[in-house]
Amino acid sequence: MHIKSGRILLAGAASVIAIAYAGSANAQAFYLQEQSVRGQGRAFSGEAADTGVDSLWWNPASIADIQGGEASVRASFIRPRGDVVDKGTVIVRPGQPAASVGGNPVAKNPIDNGILPSGAIAYGFGRVAVGLAITAPYSFTTNYDADSWTRYSADKTKLRTYDIQPSIAVAVTDWLRVGAGANIERVDATLGNYLPNLSPLLADGHQTLKGKGWDVGWSAGLQIHEGPVTIGAAYKSSIKHKLDGTVTIEGLAGPLAAQNGTIDARAEFNTPWQAIGSVRARFSPKLTLNAQVVRAGWSKFDSIDLGAPLNVSIPENYRNAWTYAVGADYEVNPQWTVRAGVQRGFTPTQDGERDARVPDSNRWNYSAGTSYAFGKFTIDAAASYIDFKNASIDRTTAAYAGTVVQTPILVDGALQDASALVFSLGARMAF
């Protein structure tokens, strides 16, 4: 039996690259929003309208009109929990009846705990300010066991993005501030999953992708300050990422054995754009109320495009999605502020299109936080509980798609009892 190498490697590269963007994160799909401890304390309900370096990721205009320097550093500990459960997934090998995919039917807590660092610095002089934010907006690690029922879709995955955002902002008038910045992103990924051999008596094969790349997007925003009310609006562009690396396949036997080896591979995909609107209103000298809405353009992540020698597009079919949040800041005294907020986020994944690589669902985020100032130095702390709705995992896939040995995997599973705890600590300093 002669099987074209490109087609077999297509099956490997397609699934392993797609895994890069898996995981129940804390905003939507694979996006992490923990870029401000102050913002987390009110469930990210006023970030585009607030001022200072802690809002620089959301709105470059936030640093306009500051005088002198301001810097912040922070880190978030993210503890996700949940079960990815098999409810009857079957595999159909060529010439054989459908059979159970086998393996452990319950994958418990497949997304690793993680620490997400970030920081920002800005300096203002007159009506102009410049700033720099460093964040990691798309980062996670998953660990499905080698004997998990999900093994043909997801194994071990490590994805890191590093976003460097230099910005400039101007106070155009006493009430209007504008800003813009570039988003320079580094992607570094190591990803793997298993491949079924044609005989169920043989051990599975395995594939691994390693890839890296630099790409650029942009951010822009404005703020309107009118008495006790501030309105903020910002836009972060989609970024087209190009991931260059290698795909390694090993452990295939029989007529598939010739496909073992390593080839160079390139994948292209788009992260979503974000349109952000928020308002902060000071209702008394102590109480400020916040509201924020984000429209995320996840439809940009509609496919993963693989270049030569594979030359194929893998559909993802994400949809645009909303996030809504409300929250409050209460100034107990000039040094001490407390916060709380609630956020509702909707998943861009769709029923019938969701697989174990992205076990995402709608969620509620309940947060509280506090700040204490020691002169020009402020300590921030926050905690969040995120509750994910149970969701189906039901996207049919196929190993060796488009070849004479195409092996469909009819997925029937569910995400159950998923939640996350997030604890964050940060410090801000004026200089």
Protein backbone atom coordinates (compact mmCIF):
# COMPACT_ATOMS: atom_id res chain seq x y z
CA MET A 1 0.00 0.00 0.00
CA HIS A 2 1.43 3.38 -1.01
CA ILE A 3 0.43 6.33 1.10
CA LYS A 4 1.60 9.84 0.26
CA SER A 5 3.85 11.30 2.94
CA GLY A 6 2.31 14.78 2.76
CA ARG A 7 -1.19 13.46 3.49
CA ILE A 8 -0.11 11.48 6.54
CA LEU A 9 1.92 14.38 7.87
CA LEU A 10 -1.09 16.62 7.24
CA ALA A 11 -3.05 14.60 9.76
CA GLY A 12 -0.26 14.97 12.27
CA ALA A 13 0.45 18.63 11.75
CA ALA A 14 -3.20 19.66 11.62
CA SER A 15 -4.12 18.19 14.96
CA VAL A 16 -0.96 19.04 16.81
CA ILE A 17 -0.92 22.67 15.71
CA ALA A 18 -4.58 23.10 16.61
CA ILE A 19 -3.86 21.94 20.13
CA ALA A 20 -1.75 25.05 20.64
CA TYR A 21 -4.82 27.09 21.31
CA ALA A 22 -6.58 24.85 23.81
CA GLY A 23 -7.69 25.34 27.34
CA SER A 24 -10.34 26.95 29.51
CA ALA A 25 -8.70 30.27 30.17
CA ASN A 26 -10.07 33.11 32.30
CA ALA A 27 -11.68 35.46 29.77
CA GLN A 28 -12.57 33.54 26.59
CA ALA A 29 -11.11 30.43 24.95
CA PHE A 30 -7.31 30.75 25.16
CA TYR A 31 -7.11 34.44 26.21
CA LEU A 32 -5.86 35.34 29.70
CA GLN A 33 -7.03 38.75 30.93
CA GLU A 34 -5.01 38.90 34.16
CA GLN A 35 -2.89 41.92 33.20
CA SER A 36 -3.80 44.09 36.22
CA VAL A 37 -4.33 43.20 39.88
CA ARG A 38 -6.29 46.40 40.40
CA GLY A 39 -8.52 45.47 37.46
CA GLN A 40 -8.99 41.90 38.64
CA GLY A 41 -10.32 43.13 41.99
CA ARG A 42 -13.37 44.63 40.23
CA ALA A 43 -13.65 41.80 37.64
CA PHE A 44 -12.11 43.94 34.87
CA SER A 45 -15.09 46.27 34.82
CA GLY A 46 -13.46 49.67 34.23
CA GLU A 47 -10.05 49.19 32.66
CA ALA A 48 -10.44 51.20 29.44
CA ALA A 49 -11.68 54.18 31.47
CA ASP A 50 -9.18 54.09 34.35
CA THR A 51 -5.86 55.94 34.34
CA GLY A 52 -2.27 54.89 34.94
CA VAL A 53 0.01 52.04 33.88
CA ASP A 54 -2.29 49.29 35.19
CA SER A 55 -4.74 50.08 32.38
CA LEU A 56 -2.13 50.40 29.61
CA TRP A 57 -2.87 46.94 28.13
CA TRP A 58 -6.55 47.83 27.64
CA ASN A 59 -6.19 51.47 26.56
CA PRO A 60 -2.99 53.33 25.59
CA ALA A 61 -4.77 56.61 26.41
CA SER A 62 -4.73 55.65 30.11
CA ILE A 63 -1.26 57.15 30.62
CA ALA A 64 -1.97 60.56 29.04
CA ASP A 65 -1.50 63.54 31.37
CA ILE A 66 0.48 61.65 34.03
CA GLN A 67 3.40 63.69 35.34
CA GLY A 68 6.65 61.95 36.11
CA GLY A 69 7.05 58.19 36.20
CA GLU A 70 4.81 55.29 37.15
CA ALA A 71 5.58 51.55 37.14
CA SER A 72 3.83 48.34 38.15
CA VAL A 73 4.71 44.67 38.43
CA ARG A 74 2.31 41.82 39.20
CA ALA A 75 1.82 38.08 39.07
CA SER A 76 -1.28 35.87 39.05
CA PHE A 77 -1.48 32.28 40.26
CA ILE A 78 -4.13 30.43 38.22
CA ARG A 79 -5.55 27.14 39.53
CA PRO A 80 -8.00 25.58 37.01
CA ARG A 81 -10.04 22.49 37.83
CA GLY A 82 -12.48 20.33 35.88
CA ASP A 83 -13.17 16.98 34.24
CA VAL A 84 -13.11 16.15 30.53
CA VAL A 85 -15.29 13.04 30.36
CA ASP A 86 -15.85 10.40 27.66
CA LYS A 87 -19.52 9.57 27.03
CA GLY A 88 -19.09 7.09 24.20
CA THR A 89 -16.34 8.17 21.78
CA VAL A 90 -15.56 5.60 19.06
CA ILE A 91 -12.80 5.13 16.52
CA VAL A 92 -13.39 3.66 13.03
CA ARG A 93 -10.25 2.07 11.63
CA PRO A 94 -10.23 1.21 7.89
CA GLY A 95 -12.12 -2.03 7.21
CA GLN A 96 -13.06 -2.49 10.88
CA PRO A 97 -16.27 -1.86 12.83
CA ALA A 98 -16.51 1.14 15.11
CA ALA A 99 -14.95 0.47 18.50
CA SER A 100 -14.57 2.34 21.75
CA VAL A 101 -11.63 4.71 21.71
CA GLY A 102 -10.59 3.17 25.03
CA GLY A 103 -8.33 4.76 27.57
CA ASN A 104 -9.14 6.43 30.83
CA PRO A 105 -12.69 7.87 30.42
CA VAL A 106 -12.11 10.78 32.81
CA ALA A 107 -9.34 13.36 32.35
CA LYS A 108 -9.16 15.23 35.65
CA ASN A 109 -7.70 18.73 35.78
CA PRO A 110 -5.92 18.57 32.41
CA ILE A 111 -4.90 22.25 32.48
CA ASP A 112 -1.87 22.87 34.68
CA ASN A 113 -1.65 25.45 37.41
CA GLY A 114 0.29 28.46 36.20
CA ILE A 115 1.86 31.76 37.18
CA LEU A 116 1.21 34.68 34.84
CA PRO A 117 3.57 37.68 35.26
CA SER A 118 3.14 41.12 33.71
CA GLY A 119 4.34 44.67 34.16
CA ALA A 120 4.25 48.20 32.79
CA ILE A 121 6.10 51.50 33.04
CA ALA A 122 5.28 55.01 31.82
CA TYR A 123 6.65 58.53 32.00
CA GLY A 124 4.73 61.71 31.36
CA PHE A 125 5.95 65.23 30.64
CA GLY A 126 3.45 67.99 29.98
CA ARG A 127 0.59 66.65 27.88
CA VAL A 128 2.56 63.72 26.40
CA ALA A 129 3.40 60.37 27.96
CA VAL A 130 5.21 57.27 26.73
CA GLY A 131 4.82 53.79 28.15
CA LEU A 132 5.71 50.13 27.81
CA ALA A 133 3.59 47.12 28.88
CA ILE A 134 4.85 43.53 28.89
CA THR A 135 2.19 40.84 29.16
CA ALA A 136 1.52 37.17 28.31
CA PRO A 137 -2.07 37.18 27.01
CA TYR A 138 -2.18 33.67 25.46
CA SER A 139 -0.27 31.23 27.67
CA PHE A 140 -1.04 27.86 29.27
CA THR A 141 0.11 24.27 29.76
CA THR A 142 -2.10 21.17 29.41
CA ASN A 143 -1.27 17.62 30.46
CA TYR A 144 -3.56 14.84 29.27
CA ASP A 145 -2.25 11.40 30.25
CA ALA A 146 -0.94 9.03 27.59
CA ASP A 147 -3.86 6.67 28.25
CA SER A 148 -6.57 9.36 28.21
CA TRP A 149 -9.57 9.00 25.90
CA THR A 150 -8.56 12.42 24.49
CA ARG A 151 -5.09 11.27 23.42
CA TYR A 152 -5.75 11.53 19.66
CA SER A 153 -6.75 15.18 20.08
CA ALA A 154 -4.63 16.36 22.97
CA ASP A 155 -1.57 15.20 24.86
CA LYS A 156 0.99 17.56 26.41
CA THR A 157 0.97 21.18 25.33
CA LYS A 158 3.00 24.23 26.31
CA LEU A 159 2.17 27.60 24.76
CA ARG A 160 3.67 30.96 25.67
CA THR A 161 3.03 34.34 24.13
CA TYR A 162 4.95 37.44 25.14
CA ASP A 163 3.41 40.80 24.20
CA ILE A 164 5.53 43.96 24.21
CA GLN A 165 3.40 47.09 23.84
CA PRO A 166 5.24 50.43 23.47
CA SER A 167 2.70 53.27 23.59
CA ILE A 168 2.35 57.03 23.33
CA ALA A 169 -0.53 59.11 24.69
CA VAL A 170 -1.53 62.77 24.48
CA ALA A 171 -3.89 64.90 26.56
CA VAL A 172 -5.40 66.79 23.61
CA THR A 173 -7.60 68.95 25.84
CA ASP A 174 -8.48 68.97 29.53
CA TRP A 175 -11.19 66.41 28.81
CA LEU A 176 -9.91 64.36 25.82
CA ARG A 177 -7.01 61.92 25.90
CA VAL A 178 -5.85 59.71 23.02
CA GLY A 179 -3.22 57.00 22.72
CA ALA A 180 -1.79 54.37 20.41
CA GLY A 181 0.67 51.52 20.63
CA ALA A 182 2.24 48.58 18.82
CA ASN A 183 1.78 44.99 20.02
CA ILE A 184 4.91 42.95 19.29
CA GLU A 185 4.19 39.31 20.12
CA ARG A 186 6.44 36.30 20.46
CA VAL A 187 4.90 32.80 20.23
CA ASP A 188 6.78 29.77 21.58
CA ALA A 189 5.03 26.39 21.49
CA THR A 190 5.77 22.73 22.14
CA LEU A 191 2.77 20.53 21.38
CA GLY A 192 2.00 16.84 21.06
CA ASN A 193 -0.68 14.18 20.62
CA TYR A 194 -1.02 10.50 19.72
CA LEU A 195 -1.81 8.82 16.39
CA PRO A 196 -3.67 5.49 16.06
CA ASN A 197 -1.96 2.67 14.23
CA LEU A 198 -4.12 0.70 11.78
CA SER A 199 -4.27 -2.29 14.10
CA PRO A 200 -5.75 -1.82 17.57
CA LEU A 201 -3.22 -4.40 18.80
CA LEU A 202 -0.34 -1.99 18.14
CA ALA A 203 0.70 0.82 20.44
CA ASP A 204 -0.15 4.35 19.31
CA GLY A 205 2.26 6.51 17.39
CA HIS A 206 3.05 10.04 18.50
CA GLN A 207 3.68 13.47 16.99
CA THR A 208 5.24 16.64 18.32
CA LEU A 209 5.34 20.18 16.99
CA LYS A 210 7.86 22.78 18.08
CA GLY A 211 7.57 26.29 16.69
CA LYS A 212 8.32 29.96 17.29
CA GLY A 213 7.56 33.30 15.68
CA TRP A 214 7.42 37.11 16.06
CA ASP A 215 4.49 39.17 14.74
CA VAL A 216 3.03 42.67 15.20
CA GLY A 217 -0.39 44.23 15.79
CA TRP A 218 -1.60 47.55 17.23
CA SER A 219 -3.75 49.19 19.89
CA ALA A 220 -5.50 52.56 20.02
CA GLY A 221 -7.89 54.28 22.38
CA LEU A 222 -9.37 57.44 23.83
CA GLN A 223 -10.80 58.67 27.11
CA ILE A 224 -13.33 61.43 27.80
CA HIS A 225 -13.14 62.98 31.29
CA GLU A 226 -16.17 65.02 32.25
CA GLY A 227 -16.60 65.83 35.94
CA PRO A 228 -17.12 62.62 37.95
CA VAL A 229 -17.56 60.48 34.81
CA THR A 230 -14.86 58.96 32.58
CA ILE A 231 -15.65 57.11 29.36
CA GLY A 232 -13.04 54.95 27.68
CA ALA A 233 -13.00 53.24 24.30
CA ALA A 234 -10.18 51.16 22.83
CA TYR A 235 -9.42 48.72 20.04
CA LYS A 236 -6.77 45.99 19.90
CA SER A 237 -6.11 44.56 16.47
CA SER A 238 -6.04 40.93 15.46
CA ILE A 239 -2.51 39.61 14.95
CA LYS A 240 -1.65 37.18 12.19
CA HIS A 241 0.88 34.76 13.66
CA LYS A 242 3.33 32.69 11.65
CA LEU A 243 4.69 29.73 13.56
CA ASP A 244 7.86 28.20 12.07
CA GLY A 245 9.14 24.89 13.37
CA THR A 246 9.11 21.13 12.92
CA VAL A 247 6.67 18.24 13.09
CA THR A 248 8.07 14.93 14.34
CA ILE A 249 6.14 11.66 13.90
CA GLU A 250 7.28 8.42 15.52
CA GLY A 251 5.93 5.02 16.47
CA LEU A 252 3.82 4.35 13.37
CA ALA A 253 3.98 0.76 12.17
CA GLY A 254 3.09 -1.34 9.11
CA PRO A 255 2.16 0.69 6.00
CA LEU A 256 2.40 3.90 8.07
CA ALA A 257 5.98 3.32 9.23
CA ALA A 258 7.50 5.23 6.32
CA GLN A 259 5.92 8.41 7.67
CA ASN A 260 8.04 8.42 10.82
CA GLY A 261 10.48 11.31 10.78
CA THR A 262 10.73 15.07 11.02
CA ILE A 263 9.78 17.77 8.52
CA ASP A 264 9.82 21.56 8.62
CA ALA A 265 6.35 23.04 8.97
CA ARG A 266 4.69 26.45 9.09
CA ALA A 267 1.30 27.39 10.48
CA GLU A 268 -0.60 30.67 10.27
CA PHE A 269 -3.51 31.74 12.45
CA ASN A 270 -5.13 34.96 13.70
CA THR A 271 -5.76 35.99 17.28
CA PRO A 272 -9.01 37.94 17.84
CA TRP A 273 -9.42 41.71 17.76
CA GLN A 274 -10.99 43.38 20.80
CA ALA A 275 -13.30 46.40 20.92
CA ILE A 276 -13.53 47.68 24.50
CA GLY A 277 -15.87 50.24 26.03
CA SER A 278 -16.05 51.19 29.69
CA VAL A 279 -17.30 53.89 32.03
CA ARG A 280 -16.31 54.93 35.55
CA ALA A 281 -18.59 57.18 37.59
CA ARG A 282 -17.68 58.65 41.00
CA PHE A 283 -20.97 58.67 42.91
CA SER A 284 -19.44 60.03 46.11
CA PRO A 285 -15.97 60.98 47.38
CA LYS A 286 -15.51 57.32 48.35
CA LEU A 287 -17.52 55.23 45.85
CA THR A 288 -16.78 54.73 42.14
CA LEU A 289 -18.91 52.42 39.99
CA ASN A 290 -17.55 50.73 36.87
CA ALA A 291 -18.97 48.96 33.82
CA GLN A 292 -17.20 47.45 30.83
CA VAL A 293 -18.17 45.55 27.69
CA VAL A 294 -15.77 43.76 25.33
CA ARG A 295 -16.60 42.45 21.87
CA ALA A 296 -13.93 39.96 20.81
CA GLY A 297 -13.50 39.15 17.13
CA TRP A 298 -12.91 35.43 17.51
CA SER A 299 -14.21 34.81 13.99
CA LYS A 300 -10.69 35.80 12.90
CA PHE A 301 -9.65 32.42 14.34
CA ASP A 302 -11.64 30.64 11.66
CA SER A 303 -8.88 28.33 10.46
CA ILE A 304 -5.28 27.22 10.87
CA ASP A 305 -3.47 27.46 7.55
CA LEU A 306 -0.59 25.06 6.96
CA GLY A 307 2.05 25.94 4.36
CA ALA A 308 4.26 23.80 2.14
CA PRO A 309 4.66 20.88 1.94
CA LEU A 310 1.18 20.37 3.49
CA ASN A 311 -0.72 23.30 1.92
CA VAL A 312 -4.10 22.90 3.60
CA SER A 313 -6.48 24.91 5.78
CA ILE A 314 -7.95 23.41 8.98
CA PRO A 315 -11.34 24.96 9.91
CA GLU A 316 -11.90 26.13 13.50
CA ASN A 317 -15.20 28.04 13.09
CA TYR A 318 -14.98 30.27 16.15
CA ARG A 319 -17.60 33.00 16.53
CA ASN A 320 -17.37 36.54 17.87
CA ALA A 321 -18.27 36.76 21.56
CA TRP A 322 -19.14 39.26 24.31
CA THR A 323 -17.88 39.85 27.83
CA TYR A 324 -19.75 42.10 30.29
CA ALA A 325 -18.60 43.29 33.71
CA VAL A 326 -19.71 45.59 36.53
CA GLY A 327 -17.81 46.50 39.67
CA ALA A 328 -17.05 49.08 42.34
CA ASP A 329 -14.10 50.75 44.06
CA TYR A 330 -14.61 52.00 47.61
CA GLU A 331 -12.05 54.25 49.29
CA VAL A 332 -12.09 53.32 52.97
CA ASN A 333 -9.53 56.05 53.66
CA PRO A 334 -6.90 57.86 51.55
CA GLN A 335 -4.53 54.89 51.84
CA TRP A 336 -6.91 51.91 51.63
CA THR A 337 -9.26 50.96 48.77
CA VAL A 338 -11.42 47.85 48.42
CA ARG A 339 -13.03 46.51 45.24
CA ALA A 340 -15.48 43.89 43.99
CA GLY A 341 -17.04 42.94 40.69
CA VAL A 342 -18.81 40.35 38.54
CA GLN A 343 -18.07 39.44 34.94
CA ARG A 344 -20.06 37.34 32.46
CA GLY A 345 -18.10 35.83 29.58
CA PHE A 346 -19.41 33.88 26.58
CA THR A 347 -17.34 31.26 24.80
CA PRO A 348 -16.48 31.63 21.10
CA THR A 349 -16.55 27.84 20.69
CA GLN A 350 -19.75 26.29 19.31
CA ASP A 351 -21.72 23.12 20.02
CA GLY A 352 -20.84 20.54 17.40
CA GLU A 353 -17.43 22.20 16.88
CA ARG A 354 -15.92 21.86 20.37
CA ASP A 355 -13.19 19.29 21.06
CA ALA A 356 -10.86 18.33 23.90
CA ARG A 357 -8.22 20.70 22.59
CA VAL A 358 -10.41 23.66 23.63
CA PRO A 359 -12.78 22.50 26.41
CA ASP A 360 -14.20 25.99 26.80
CA SER A 361 -17.63 27.21 27.92
CA ASN A 362 -19.58 30.23 29.18
CA ARG A 363 -18.49 31.46 32.58
CA TRP A 364 -19.14 33.73 35.56
CA ASN A 365 -16.23 35.54 37.23
CA TYR A 366 -16.65 36.73 40.83
CA SER A 367 -13.80 38.91 42.09
CA ALA A 368 -12.68 41.02 45.04
CA GLY A 369 -9.52 42.98 45.75
CA THR A 370 -7.81 45.68 47.74
CA SER A 371 -5.02 48.26 47.53
CA TYR A 372 -2.98 49.92 50.26
CA ALA A 373 -0.75 52.93 49.61
CA PHE A 374 2.48 53.71 51.46
CA GLY A 375 3.24 57.15 50.08
CA LYS A 376 4.23 56.67 46.42
CA PHE A 377 4.24 52.88 46.77
CA THR A 378 1.00 50.83 46.53
CA ILE A 379 0.39 47.12 47.11
CA ASP A 380 -2.50 45.46 45.21
CA ALA A 381 -4.10 42.08 45.90
CA ALA A 382 -7.05 40.29 44.29
CA ALA A 383 -8.83 36.94 44.18
CA SER A 384 -11.33 35.48 41.69
CA TYR A 385 -13.58 32.44 41.47
CA ILE A 386 -14.56 31.49 37.91
CA ASP A 387 -17.43 29.08 37.34
CA PHE A 388 -17.66 27.36 33.93
CA LYS A 389 -20.88 25.93 32.53
CA ASN A 390 -20.90 22.24 31.61
CA ALA A 391 -20.49 21.86 27.84
CA SER A 392 -20.40 19.16 25.18
CA ILE A 393 -17.18 18.00 23.52
CA ASP A 394 -18.53 16.67 20.26
CA ARG A 395 -16.42 17.56 17.25
CA THR A 396 -15.75 14.63 14.90
CA THR A 397 -12.11 14.37 13.85
CA ALA A 398 -10.10 12.02 11.64
CA ALA A 399 -6.54 10.79 11.64
CA TYR A 400 -4.93 10.65 8.18
CA ALA A 401 -7.83 12.66 6.72
CA GLY A 402 -8.17 12.47 2.97
CA THR A 403 -6.12 9.28 2.54
CA VAL A 404 -7.09 5.66 1.98
CA VAL A 405 -6.42 5.01 5.69
CA GLN A 406 -8.59 7.84 7.01
CA THR A 407 -9.54 6.95 10.59
CA PRO A 408 -12.56 8.88 11.93
CA ILE A 409 -12.86 9.53 15.66
CA LEU A 410 -16.50 10.19 16.56
CA VAL A 411 -16.18 12.28 19.67
CA ASP A 412 -18.85 12.20 22.38
CA GLY A 413 -17.67 13.81 25.59
CA ALA A 414 -18.28 16.65 28.01
CA LEU A 415 -16.63 19.30 30.14
CA GLN A 416 -17.96 18.94 33.67
CA ASP A 417 -17.55 20.66 37.04
CA ALA A 418 -15.01 23.17 35.72
CA SER A 419 -13.84 26.16 37.74
CA ALA A 420 -10.74 28.24 38.40
CA LEU A 421 -9.27 30.17 41.30
CA VAL A 422 -7.01 33.13 40.56
CA PHE A 423 -4.89 34.85 43.23
CA SER A 424 -2.88 37.92 42.29
CA LEU A 425 -0.40 40.26 43.93
CA GLY A 426 1.14 43.41 42.52
CA ALA A 427 2.92 46.63 43.33
CA ARG A 428 2.72 50.13 41.81
CA MET A 429 5.18 52.97 42.31
CA ALA A 430 5.30 56.63 41.30
CA PHE A 431 8.70 58.22 40.72
